[in-house]
Amino acid sequence: MSKYKFEDRGNGRFALSGEMTFQTAGLILDESESLFDEHTRIEVDLFDVTDTDSAGLALLLEWITWANHTVREIRFIGTPEKIDAIATTTEVADLLKRGERWAGFIEAPTE
């Protein structure tokens, strides 16, 4: 049984649930590479992440670095409190917003 689920919700929106830990971060990164590649604006919903550690923070920072180097925008919603706490303690909290460049991020899909 998988310890995480990485879901493509379309239009550059993704959702991660379950564990974002040392055991899963590399797998999540590998899975995200091809999915993210076709988008210039990416939003990752982290509301349903149930467990995380410093590897989870490293994953988010890796995504931000990738976005900056490939001229893309990435933002996270529902970032777990534990990630925020680790980021604050390690003085990298400001880096979690560095992937957000443009105003009006992702438009809601029209019906």
Protein backbone atom coordinates (compact mmCIF):
# COMPACT_ATOMS: atom_id res chain seq x y z
CA MET A 1 0.00 0.00 0.00
CA SER A 2 1.30 3.42 -0.98
CA LYS A 3 2.08 5.84 1.83
CA TYR A 4 1.15 8.83 -0.32
CA LYS A 5 -1.05 9.81 -3.23
CA PHE A 6 -0.07 12.45 -5.78
CA GLU A 7 -3.09 13.47 -7.81
CA ASP A 8 -3.22 15.54 -11.01
CA ARG A 9 -6.38 17.65 -10.80
CA GLY A 10 -5.81 19.33 -14.17
CA ASN A 11 -4.83 22.85 -15.23
CA GLY A 12 -1.60 22.79 -13.20
CA ARG A 13 -3.32 21.83 -9.97
CA PHE A 14 -2.07 18.89 -7.95
CA ALA A 15 -2.89 17.38 -4.57
CA LEU A 16 -0.59 15.43 -2.28
CA SER A 17 -1.97 13.33 0.53
CA GLY A 18 -0.49 10.89 3.02
CA GLU A 19 3.18 10.96 3.99
CA MET A 20 5.75 13.48 2.80
CA THR A 21 8.76 12.01 4.61
CA PHE A 22 12.24 10.56 4.09
CA GLN A 23 10.56 7.37 2.84
CA THR A 24 8.40 9.08 0.21
CA ALA A 25 9.97 12.43 -0.77
CA GLY A 26 12.21 10.98 -3.49
CA LEU A 27 9.34 8.98 -4.95
CA ILE A 28 7.09 12.04 -4.97
CA LEU A 29 9.81 14.10 -6.65
CA ASP A 30 10.29 11.46 -9.35
CA GLU A 31 6.54 11.26 -9.96
CA SER A 32 6.13 15.03 -10.13
CA GLU A 33 8.85 15.63 -12.74
CA SER A 34 6.90 14.56 -15.80
CA LEU A 35 3.60 15.89 -14.45
CA PHE A 36 4.93 19.38 -13.72
CA ASP A 37 6.93 19.65 -16.94
CA GLU A 38 3.98 20.69 -19.12
CA HIS A 39 2.81 23.54 -16.86
CA THR A 40 4.09 27.08 -16.31
CA ARG A 41 1.95 27.66 -13.22
CA ILE A 42 1.61 24.94 -10.62
CA GLU A 43 -0.40 24.75 -7.42
CA VAL A 44 0.13 21.90 -4.96
CA ASP A 45 -2.55 21.26 -2.33
CA LEU A 46 -0.96 19.85 0.83
CA PHE A 47 -4.05 19.92 3.08
CA ASP A 48 -4.23 16.11 3.27
CA VAL A 49 -0.57 15.47 4.13
CA THR A 50 -0.78 13.39 7.31
CA ASP A 51 2.91 13.12 8.22
CA THR A 52 6.00 15.06 7.25
CA ASP A 53 9.56 15.79 8.31
CA SER A 54 12.55 17.76 7.05
CA ALA A 55 12.54 15.70 3.84
CA GLY A 56 9.09 17.15 3.14
CA LEU A 57 10.54 20.65 3.45
CA ALA A 58 13.44 19.64 1.21
CA LEU A 59 10.94 18.41 -1.39
CA LEU A 60 9.12 21.76 -1.43
CA LEU A 61 12.41 23.64 -1.70
CA GLU A 62 13.51 21.36 -4.55
CA TRP A 63 10.25 22.12 -6.41
CA ILE A 64 10.83 25.86 -5.87
CA THR A 65 14.40 25.63 -7.15
CA TRP A 66 13.20 23.72 -10.23
CA ALA A 67 10.44 26.30 -10.85
CA ASN A 68 12.88 29.20 -10.59
CA HIS A 69 15.42 27.58 -12.91
CA THR A 70 12.79 26.71 -15.51
CA VAL A 71 10.91 30.04 -15.30
CA ARG A 72 7.78 28.58 -13.80
CA GLU A 73 5.63 29.48 -10.85
CA ILE A 74 4.74 27.12 -8.03
CA ARG A 75 2.78 27.69 -4.89
CA PHE A 76 1.64 25.52 -2.02
CA ILE A 77 -1.67 25.67 -0.22
CA GLY A 78 -2.37 23.98 3.08
CA THR A 79 1.28 23.68 4.00
CA PRO A 80 1.49 21.48 7.12
CA GLU A 81 2.29 23.31 10.37
CA LYS A 82 5.26 21.00 10.90
CA ILE A 83 6.81 22.18 7.61
CA ASP A 84 6.27 25.80 8.62
CA ALA A 85 7.88 25.11 12.00
CA ILE A 86 10.91 23.39 10.48
CA ALA A 87 11.26 26.18 7.89
CA THR A 88 11.13 28.83 10.60
CA THR A 89 13.64 27.00 12.81
CA THR A 90 16.06 26.54 9.92
CA GLU A 91 15.49 30.12 8.74
CA VAL A 92 14.22 29.18 5.26
CA ALA A 93 10.55 30.16 5.73
CA ASP A 94 10.88 33.03 3.23
CA LEU A 95 12.06 30.59 0.57
CA LEU A 96 8.68 28.83 0.58
CA LYS A 97 7.18 31.83 -1.23
CA ARG A 98 9.98 32.23 -3.80
CA GLY A 99 8.17 30.10 -6.36
CA GLU A 100 5.27 32.56 -6.55
CA ARG A 101 6.01 35.19 -9.18
CA TRP A 102 2.84 36.30 -10.89
CA ALA A 103 -0.32 37.88 -9.52
CA GLY A 104 -3.61 36.13 -10.12
CA PHE A 105 -1.95 32.74 -10.01
CA ILE A 106 -4.19 30.04 -11.55
CA GLU A 107 -7.56 30.97 -12.87
CA ALA A 108 -10.49 28.83 -11.80
CA PRO A 109 -11.72 26.60 -14.65
CA THR A 110 -14.83 27.88 -16.40
CA GLU A 111 -17.78 25.65 -16.98
